[in-house]
Amino acid sequence: MTTRETVFRHATPDEADTVAMISRKSRTYFLPYLPALHTFEDDKWFFRNRVFMQCEVWVAEDNHELVGFCAFEEGWVQHLYILPTHVGRALGGALLNKAKDSHSFLQLWVFQRNTRAISFYERHGFQKVRETDGSVNEEKTPDALYEWCYSA
């Protein structure tokens, strides 16, 4: 009998394509209302050349398979995605804590229709700062800015 063991670690640059796949699968499953603006090749380029160059990226590895990730930089959580098959196992909270452990102030954007994510972020101490009509984001979908501050 084997036991499941989840490992949280820094991602390596050669895992950028897998991270892009996790993002795509999660967005397709949880955010079906978003327009499909990019190809998978576009996504892989973006993660290789932007996210992995600008952000610290942590992954959740379950039985040697990447199942989630969090990409963050000074003051911002840029991406947090878990494969749909692994949601509800506290992986997102553990990954979010990697960002919180490194920064005393974080902001993030979330689509207003993404009520599951909003509930998750609010449970983890984020508070809504403002909402927009989506006119300035790529998807043209209403979103909200959330922030978290460390308090001793």
N, C-alpha and C. Protein backbone atom coordinates (compact mmCIF):
# COMPACT_ATOMS: atom_id res chain seq x y z
N MET A 1 0.84 -1.18 0.00
CA MET A 1 0.00 0.00 0.00
C MET A 1 0.88 1.24 0.00
N THR A 2 0.57 2.17 -0.88
CA THR A 2 1.34 3.42 -0.92
C THR A 2 0.53 4.52 -0.27
N THR A 3 1.23 5.47 0.28
CA THR A 3 0.55 6.61 0.89
C THR A 3 0.80 7.84 0.03
N ARG A 4 -0.17 8.72 0.04
CA ARG A 4 -0.02 9.98 -0.70
C ARG A 4 0.82 10.92 0.12
N GLU A 5 1.77 11.52 -0.54
CA GLU A 5 2.59 12.52 0.13
C GLU A 5 2.67 13.74 -0.76
N THR A 6 2.25 14.86 -0.23
CA THR A 6 2.34 16.11 -0.97
C THR A 6 3.58 16.86 -0.52
N VAL A 7 4.35 17.29 -1.50
CA VAL A 7 5.57 18.04 -1.25
C VAL A 7 5.36 19.44 -1.82
N PHE A 8 5.76 20.45 -1.06
CA PHE A 8 5.71 21.83 -1.52
C PHE A 8 7.15 22.29 -1.70
N ARG A 9 7.45 22.81 -2.89
CA ARG A 9 8.83 23.19 -3.19
C ARG A 9 8.85 24.26 -4.27
N HIS A 10 10.02 24.89 -4.41
CA HIS A 10 10.22 25.84 -5.50
C HIS A 10 10.12 25.09 -6.82
N ALA A 11 9.49 25.71 -7.78
CA ALA A 11 9.44 25.14 -9.13
C ALA A 11 10.78 25.37 -9.81
N THR A 12 11.09 24.51 -10.75
CA THR A 12 12.29 24.69 -11.56
C THR A 12 11.86 25.23 -12.93
N PRO A 13 12.73 25.96 -13.61
CA PRO A 13 12.35 26.54 -14.91
C PRO A 13 11.85 25.52 -15.92
N ASP A 14 12.36 24.29 -15.86
CA ASP A 14 11.91 23.28 -16.82
C ASP A 14 10.49 22.78 -16.53
N GLU A 15 9.89 23.24 -15.45
CA GLU A 15 8.51 22.87 -15.14
C GLU A 15 7.49 23.92 -15.60
N ALA A 16 7.96 24.94 -16.30
CA ALA A 16 7.07 26.03 -16.73
C ALA A 16 5.92 25.53 -17.59
N ASP A 17 6.17 24.59 -18.49
CA ASP A 17 5.10 24.09 -19.35
C ASP A 17 4.05 23.33 -18.55
N THR A 18 4.47 22.58 -17.56
CA THR A 18 3.53 21.86 -16.70
C THR A 18 2.70 22.84 -15.88
N VAL A 19 3.34 23.89 -15.38
CA VAL A 19 2.62 24.93 -14.64
C VAL A 19 1.60 25.60 -15.56
N ALA A 20 1.97 25.87 -16.79
CA ALA A 20 1.03 26.45 -17.76
C ALA A 20 -0.16 25.53 -17.97
N MET A 21 0.07 24.23 -18.04
CA MET A 21 -1.00 23.26 -18.21
C MET A 21 -1.94 23.27 -17.00
N ILE A 22 -1.39 23.36 -15.80
CA ILE A 22 -2.22 23.40 -14.59
C ILE A 22 -3.10 24.65 -14.62
N SER A 23 -2.52 25.78 -14.99
CA SER A 23 -3.29 27.02 -15.09
C SER A 23 -4.43 26.86 -16.09
N ARG A 24 -4.13 26.32 -17.26
CA ARG A 24 -5.14 26.17 -18.31
C ARG A 24 -6.25 25.22 -17.87
N LYS A 25 -5.90 24.09 -17.31
CA LYS A 25 -6.92 23.11 -16.88
C LYS A 25 -7.81 23.70 -15.79
N SER A 26 -7.21 24.38 -14.84
CA SER A 26 -7.97 24.96 -13.74
C SER A 26 -8.89 26.07 -14.23
N ARG A 27 -8.36 26.96 -15.05
CA ARG A 27 -9.18 28.07 -15.58
C ARG A 27 -10.33 27.53 -16.43
N THR A 28 -10.07 26.54 -17.25
CA THR A 28 -11.12 25.97 -18.10
C THR A 28 -12.23 25.35 -17.24
N TYR A 29 -11.84 24.68 -16.19
CA TYR A 29 -12.81 24.00 -15.32
C TYR A 29 -13.59 24.98 -14.44
N PHE A 30 -12.87 25.87 -13.75
CA PHE A 30 -13.51 26.73 -12.76
C PHE A 30 -14.00 28.06 -13.32
N LEU A 31 -13.48 28.48 -14.46
CA LEU A 31 -13.83 29.78 -15.02
C LEU A 31 -14.30 29.63 -16.47
N PRO A 32 -15.32 28.81 -16.72
CA PRO A 32 -15.74 28.54 -18.11
C PRO A 32 -16.33 29.76 -18.81
N TYR A 33 -16.67 30.78 -18.06
CA TYR A 33 -17.25 31.99 -18.62
C TYR A 33 -16.21 32.94 -19.21
N LEU A 34 -14.93 32.67 -18.97
CA LEU A 34 -13.89 33.55 -19.50
C LEU A 34 -13.67 33.26 -20.98
N PRO A 35 -13.42 34.29 -21.77
CA PRO A 35 -13.13 34.06 -23.19
C PRO A 35 -11.78 33.35 -23.35
N ALA A 36 -11.68 32.51 -24.36
CA ALA A 36 -10.42 31.83 -24.67
C ALA A 36 -9.60 32.77 -25.55
N LEU A 37 -8.65 33.47 -24.95
CA LEU A 37 -7.89 34.50 -25.65
C LEU A 37 -6.54 34.02 -26.17
N HIS A 38 -6.05 32.90 -25.63
CA HIS A 38 -4.71 32.46 -25.96
C HIS A 38 -4.68 30.96 -26.23
N THR A 39 -3.71 30.56 -27.03
CA THR A 39 -3.48 29.14 -27.27
C THR A 39 -2.64 28.58 -26.13
N PHE A 40 -2.55 27.25 -26.07
CA PHE A 40 -1.68 26.63 -25.08
C PHE A 40 -0.22 27.00 -25.34
N GLU A 41 0.16 27.15 -26.59
CA GLU A 41 1.52 27.58 -26.91
C GLU A 41 1.79 28.99 -26.35
N ASP A 42 0.78 29.87 -26.46
CA ASP A 42 0.90 31.21 -25.87
C ASP A 42 1.09 31.11 -24.36
N ASP A 43 0.30 30.25 -23.73
CA ASP A 43 0.40 30.08 -22.28
C ASP A 43 1.79 29.62 -21.87
N LYS A 44 2.31 28.63 -22.58
CA LYS A 44 3.64 28.12 -22.24
C LYS A 44 4.70 29.22 -22.39
N TRP A 45 4.62 30.00 -23.46
CA TRP A 45 5.56 31.11 -23.65
C TRP A 45 5.45 32.09 -22.48
N PHE A 46 4.22 32.45 -22.11
CA PHE A 46 3.98 33.40 -21.03
C PHE A 46 4.59 32.91 -19.72
N PHE A 47 4.35 31.66 -19.37
CA PHE A 47 4.89 31.16 -18.11
C PHE A 47 6.41 31.05 -18.15
N ARG A 48 6.97 30.60 -19.26
CA ARG A 48 8.43 30.49 -19.38
C ARG A 48 9.12 31.85 -19.33
N ASN A 49 8.57 32.80 -20.07
CA ASN A 49 9.26 34.07 -20.30
C ASN A 49 8.80 35.23 -19.44
N ARG A 50 7.71 35.10 -18.78
CA ARG A 50 7.23 36.17 -17.90
C ARG A 50 7.14 35.70 -16.45
N VAL A 51 6.26 34.73 -16.21
CA VAL A 51 6.00 34.32 -14.83
C VAL A 51 7.27 33.79 -14.17
N PHE A 52 7.96 32.86 -14.81
CA PHE A 52 9.14 32.28 -14.19
C PHE A 52 10.31 33.25 -14.14
N MET A 53 10.26 34.31 -14.93
CA MET A 53 11.33 35.31 -14.89
C MET A 53 11.06 36.39 -13.83
N GLN A 54 9.79 36.64 -13.52
CA GLN A 54 9.44 37.74 -12.63
C GLN A 54 8.98 37.30 -11.25
N CYS A 55 8.57 36.05 -11.11
CA CYS A 55 7.93 35.60 -9.88
C CYS A 55 8.70 34.47 -9.21
N GLU A 56 8.46 34.34 -7.93
CA GLU A 56 8.85 33.14 -7.21
C GLU A 56 7.70 32.16 -7.41
N VAL A 57 7.99 30.95 -7.84
CA VAL A 57 6.95 29.97 -8.14
C VAL A 57 7.14 28.75 -7.25
N TRP A 58 6.10 28.44 -6.50
CA TRP A 58 6.08 27.25 -5.65
C TRP A 58 5.07 26.27 -6.24
N VAL A 59 5.37 24.98 -6.14
CA VAL A 59 4.47 23.95 -6.64
C VAL A 59 4.09 22.99 -5.53
N ALA A 60 2.92 22.37 -5.72
CA ALA A 60 2.49 21.24 -4.90
C ALA A 60 2.68 20.00 -5.75
N GLU A 61 3.40 19.04 -5.22
CA GLU A 61 3.69 17.80 -5.93
C GLU A 61 3.07 16.65 -5.14
N ASP A 62 2.16 15.94 -5.78
CA ASP A 62 1.46 14.84 -5.14
C ASP A 62 1.87 13.54 -5.84
N ASN A 63 2.52 12.66 -5.11
CA ASN A 63 3.03 11.40 -5.69
C ASN A 63 3.81 11.65 -6.98
N HIS A 64 4.71 12.61 -6.93
CA HIS A 64 5.63 12.95 -8.03
C HIS A 64 4.94 13.59 -9.23
N GLU A 65 3.73 14.10 -9.05
CA GLU A 65 3.01 14.81 -10.12
C GLU A 65 2.70 16.22 -9.64
N LEU A 66 2.99 17.23 -10.47
CA LEU A 66 2.64 18.60 -10.11
C LEU A 66 1.13 18.75 -10.21
N VAL A 67 0.52 19.28 -9.13
CA VAL A 67 -0.94 19.39 -9.09
C VAL A 67 -1.42 20.80 -8.77
N GLY A 68 -0.50 21.72 -8.48
CA GLY A 68 -0.88 23.09 -8.19
C GLY A 68 0.35 23.96 -8.09
N PHE A 69 0.10 25.29 -8.13
CA PHE A 69 1.22 26.22 -8.01
C PHE A 69 0.72 27.59 -7.55
N CYS A 70 1.66 28.35 -7.01
CA CYS A 70 1.44 29.74 -6.66
C CYS A 70 2.65 30.53 -7.15
N ALA A 71 2.38 31.59 -7.90
CA ALA A 71 3.43 32.48 -8.39
C ALA A 71 3.21 33.85 -7.76
N PHE A 72 4.25 34.37 -7.11
CA PHE A 72 4.11 35.65 -6.42
C PHE A 72 5.40 36.45 -6.55
N GLU A 73 5.24 37.75 -6.35
CA GLU A 73 6.37 38.67 -6.35
C GLU A 73 6.09 39.71 -5.28
N GLU A 74 6.99 40.64 -5.12
CA GLU A 74 6.84 41.65 -4.07
C GLU A 74 5.46 42.30 -4.13
N GLY A 75 4.65 42.06 -3.10
CA GLY A 75 3.36 42.70 -2.96
C GLY A 75 2.21 42.07 -3.72
N TRP A 76 2.46 41.03 -4.54
CA TRP A 76 1.40 40.49 -5.39
C TRP A 76 1.41 38.96 -5.45
N VAL A 77 0.22 38.39 -5.35
CA VAL A 77 0.01 37.00 -5.74
C VAL A 77 -0.49 37.09 -7.18
N GLN A 78 0.32 36.60 -8.10
CA GLN A 78 -0.01 36.72 -9.52
C GLN A 78 -0.87 35.55 -10.01
N HIS A 79 -0.59 34.35 -9.52
CA HIS A 79 -1.31 33.16 -9.97
C HIS A 79 -1.38 32.15 -8.83
N LEU A 80 -2.52 31.52 -8.67
CA LEU A 80 -2.68 30.41 -7.73
C LEU A 80 -3.70 29.47 -8.34
N TYR A 81 -3.25 28.32 -8.78
CA TYR A 81 -4.12 27.35 -9.44
C TYR A 81 -3.81 25.94 -8.94
N ILE A 82 -4.88 25.18 -8.75
CA ILE A 82 -4.81 23.78 -8.36
C ILE A 82 -5.60 22.99 -9.39
N LEU A 83 -5.12 21.82 -9.76
CA LEU A 83 -5.89 20.98 -10.66
C LEU A 83 -7.25 20.66 -10.04
N PRO A 84 -8.31 20.66 -10.82
CA PRO A 84 -9.65 20.41 -10.27
C PRO A 84 -9.74 19.12 -9.45
N THR A 85 -8.99 18.10 -9.84
CA THR A 85 -9.02 16.83 -9.12
C THR A 85 -8.38 16.91 -7.74
N HIS A 86 -7.69 18.00 -7.45
CA HIS A 86 -6.97 18.13 -6.17
C HIS A 86 -7.48 19.29 -5.31
N VAL A 87 -8.52 19.97 -5.76
CA VAL A 87 -9.09 21.05 -4.97
C VAL A 87 -9.78 20.46 -3.74
N GLY A 88 -9.70 21.19 -2.63
CA GLY A 88 -10.34 20.73 -1.40
C GLY A 88 -9.42 19.93 -0.50
N ARG A 89 -8.15 19.90 -0.81
CA ARG A 89 -7.17 19.14 -0.02
C ARG A 89 -6.19 20.05 0.72
N ALA A 90 -6.53 21.33 0.85
CA ALA A 90 -5.73 22.33 1.56
C ALA A 90 -4.43 22.68 0.85
N LEU A 91 -4.30 22.31 -0.42
CA LEU A 91 -3.09 22.63 -1.17
C LEU A 91 -2.99 24.12 -1.46
N GLY A 92 -4.11 24.73 -1.82
CA GLY A 92 -4.11 26.16 -2.12
C GLY A 92 -3.70 26.98 -0.92
N GLY A 93 -4.21 26.63 0.25
CA GLY A 93 -3.83 27.36 1.47
C GLY A 93 -2.36 27.22 1.79
N ALA A 94 -1.82 26.02 1.60
CA ALA A 94 -0.40 25.81 1.86
C ALA A 94 0.45 26.61 0.88
N LEU A 95 0.05 26.64 -0.38
CA LEU A 95 0.81 27.42 -1.37
C LEU A 95 0.68 28.92 -1.09
N LEU A 96 -0.51 29.38 -0.75
CA LEU A 96 -0.70 30.79 -0.44
C LEU A 96 0.16 31.19 0.76
N ASN A 97 0.30 30.28 1.72
CA ASN A 97 1.14 30.57 2.89
C ASN A 97 2.60 30.77 2.52
N LYS A 98 3.06 30.17 1.42
CA LYS A 98 4.44 30.40 0.97
C LYS A 98 4.62 31.88 0.61
N ALA A 99 3.62 32.45 -0.05
CA ALA A 99 3.67 33.88 -0.37
C ALA A 99 3.57 34.73 0.89
N LYS A 100 2.67 34.35 1.79
CA LYS A 100 2.49 35.11 3.02
C LYS A 100 3.71 35.04 3.92
N ASP A 101 4.41 33.91 3.89
CA ASP A 101 5.63 33.77 4.70
C ASP A 101 6.74 34.69 4.20
N SER A 102 6.70 35.06 2.93
CA SER A 102 7.75 35.87 2.32
C SER A 102 7.44 37.36 2.28
N HIS A 103 6.18 37.72 2.49
CA HIS A 103 5.77 39.12 2.33
C HIS A 103 4.77 39.50 3.42
N SER A 104 4.86 40.73 3.88
CA SER A 104 3.94 41.19 4.92
C SER A 104 2.70 41.87 4.34
N PHE A 105 2.70 42.11 3.03
CA PHE A 105 1.57 42.75 2.35
C PHE A 105 1.44 42.12 0.97
N LEU A 106 0.23 41.69 0.64
CA LEU A 106 -0.02 41.09 -0.66
C LEU A 106 -1.34 41.57 -1.23
N GLN A 107 -1.37 41.73 -2.53
CA GLN A 107 -2.60 42.04 -3.24
C GLN A 107 -2.80 40.99 -4.32
N LEU A 108 -4.04 40.89 -4.78
CA LEU A 108 -4.35 40.00 -5.89
C LEU A 108 -5.66 40.44 -6.53
N TRP A 109 -5.83 40.04 -7.78
CA TRP A 109 -7.06 40.29 -8.51
C TRP A 109 -7.81 38.97 -8.64
N VAL A 110 -9.14 39.03 -8.52
CA VAL A 110 -9.98 37.85 -8.67
C VAL A 110 -11.24 38.29 -9.42
N PHE A 111 -11.72 37.44 -10.31
CA PHE A 111 -12.95 37.76 -11.03
C PHE A 111 -14.13 37.70 -10.07
N GLN A 112 -15.04 38.67 -10.18
CA GLN A 112 -16.17 38.74 -9.27
C GLN A 112 -17.06 37.50 -9.33
N ARG A 113 -17.13 36.85 -10.47
CA ARG A 113 -17.95 35.64 -10.59
C ARG A 113 -17.27 34.42 -9.97
N ASN A 114 -16.01 34.54 -9.63
CA ASN A 114 -15.27 33.41 -9.07
C ASN A 114 -15.50 33.36 -7.55
N THR A 115 -16.72 33.05 -7.18
CA THR A 115 -17.11 33.10 -5.77
C THR A 115 -16.36 32.07 -4.92
N ARG A 116 -15.99 30.95 -5.51
CA ARG A 116 -15.23 29.95 -4.77
C ARG A 116 -13.86 30.51 -4.37
N ALA A 117 -13.19 31.18 -5.30
CA ALA A 117 -11.89 31.78 -5.00
C ALA A 117 -12.04 32.93 -4.00
N ILE A 118 -13.07 33.73 -4.18
CA ILE A 118 -13.30 34.84 -3.24
C ILE A 118 -13.47 34.32 -1.83
N SER A 119 -14.27 33.29 -1.67
CA SER A 119 -14.46 32.69 -0.35
C SER A 119 -13.14 32.16 0.21
N PHE A 120 -12.35 31.52 -0.64
CA PHE A 120 -11.05 31.00 -0.23
C PHE A 120 -10.15 32.14 0.26
N TYR A 121 -10.02 33.20 -0.52
CA TYR A 121 -9.14 34.30 -0.14
C TYR A 121 -9.63 35.00 1.13
N GLU A 122 -10.93 35.17 1.27
CA GLU A 122 -11.46 35.80 2.48
C GLU A 122 -11.19 34.93 3.71
N ARG A 123 -11.30 33.60 3.57
CA ARG A 123 -10.98 32.70 4.68
C ARG A 123 -9.50 32.81 5.07
N HIS A 124 -8.67 33.21 4.12
CA HIS A 124 -7.24 33.33 4.38
C HIS A 124 -6.82 34.77 4.67
N GLY A 125 -7.77 35.60 5.06
CA GLY A 125 -7.45 36.93 5.57
C GLY A 125 -7.41 38.06 4.56
N PHE A 126 -7.74 37.80 3.32
CA PHE A 126 -7.75 38.88 2.32
C PHE A 126 -9.07 39.64 2.42
N GLN A 127 -8.99 40.94 2.19
CA GLN A 127 -10.17 41.80 2.22
C GLN A 127 -10.29 42.56 0.90
N LYS A 128 -11.55 42.70 0.46
CA LYS A 128 -11.79 43.41 -0.79
C LYS A 128 -11.50 44.89 -0.62
N VAL A 129 -10.75 45.43 -1.58
CA VAL A 129 -10.40 46.84 -1.59
C VAL A 129 -11.30 47.60 -2.55
N ARG A 130 -11.52 47.00 -3.73
CA ARG A 130 -12.39 47.65 -4.72
C ARG A 130 -12.80 46.66 -5.80
N GLU A 131 -13.83 47.04 -6.51
CA GLU A 131 -14.31 46.25 -7.65
C GLU A 131 -14.18 47.09 -8.92
N THR A 132 -14.03 46.41 -10.06
CA THR A 132 -14.01 47.11 -11.34
C THR A 132 -15.03 46.48 -12.27
N ASP A 133 -15.31 47.17 -13.34
CA ASP A 133 -16.25 46.64 -14.33
C ASP A 133 -15.56 45.75 -15.35
N GLY A 134 -14.26 45.54 -15.20
CA GLY A 134 -13.50 44.67 -16.09
C GLY A 134 -13.00 45.34 -17.36
N SER A 135 -13.27 46.62 -17.52
CA SER A 135 -12.90 47.29 -18.78
C SER A 135 -11.39 47.36 -19.00
N VAL A 136 -10.59 47.23 -17.94
CA VAL A 136 -9.15 47.33 -18.13
C VAL A 136 -8.43 45.98 -18.08
N ASN A 137 -9.15 44.89 -17.80
CA ASN A 137 -8.47 43.60 -17.85
C ASN A 137 -8.65 42.94 -19.21
N GLU A 138 -7.78 42.04 -19.52
CA GLU A 138 -7.75 41.40 -20.83
C GLU A 138 -9.05 40.66 -21.16
N GLU A 139 -9.66 40.08 -20.16
CA GLU A 139 -10.87 39.29 -20.37
C GLU A 139 -12.13 40.14 -20.45
N LYS A 140 -12.03 41.42 -20.09
CA LYS A 140 -13.18 42.34 -20.07
C LYS A 140 -14.29 41.79 -19.17
N THR A 141 -13.87 41.26 -18.01
CA THR A 141 -14.77 40.62 -17.06
C THR A 141 -14.61 41.31 -15.71
N PRO A 142 -15.71 41.70 -15.05
CA PRO A 142 -15.61 42.38 -13.75
C PRO A 142 -14.74 41.61 -12.76
N ASP A 143 -13.86 42.36 -12.09
CA ASP A 143 -12.97 41.75 -11.12
C ASP A 143 -12.92 42.57 -9.85
N ALA A 144 -12.15 42.09 -8.89
CA ALA A 144 -12.03 42.78 -7.60
C ALA A 144 -10.59 42.67 -7.12
N LEU A 145 -10.13 43.73 -6.49
CA LEU A 145 -8.80 43.76 -5.90
C LEU A 145 -8.93 43.42 -4.42
N TYR A 146 -8.12 42.46 -3.98
CA TYR A 146 -8.09 42.05 -2.57
C TYR A 146 -6.70 42.29 -2.03
N GLU A 147 -6.62 42.51 -0.70
CA GLU A 147 -5.31 42.66 -0.09
C GLU A 147 -5.27 41.98 1.27
N TRP A 148 -4.06 41.65 1.66
CA TRP A 148 -3.78 41.03 2.95
C TRP A 148 -2.58 41.71 3.55
N CYS A 149 -2.64 41.95 4.86
CA CYS A 149 -1.51 42.51 5.61
C CYS A 149 -1.22 41.62 6.81
N TYR A 150 0.05 41.40 7.04
CA TYR A 150 0.46 40.63 8.21
C TYR A 150 0.10 41.42 9.46
N SER A 151 -0.45 40.71 10.43
CA SER A 151 -0.69 41.35 11.74
C SER A 151 -0.24 40.37 12.82
N ALA A 152 0.63 40.86 13.69
CA ALA A 152 1.20 40.02 14.74
C ALA A 152 0.20 39.75 15.85
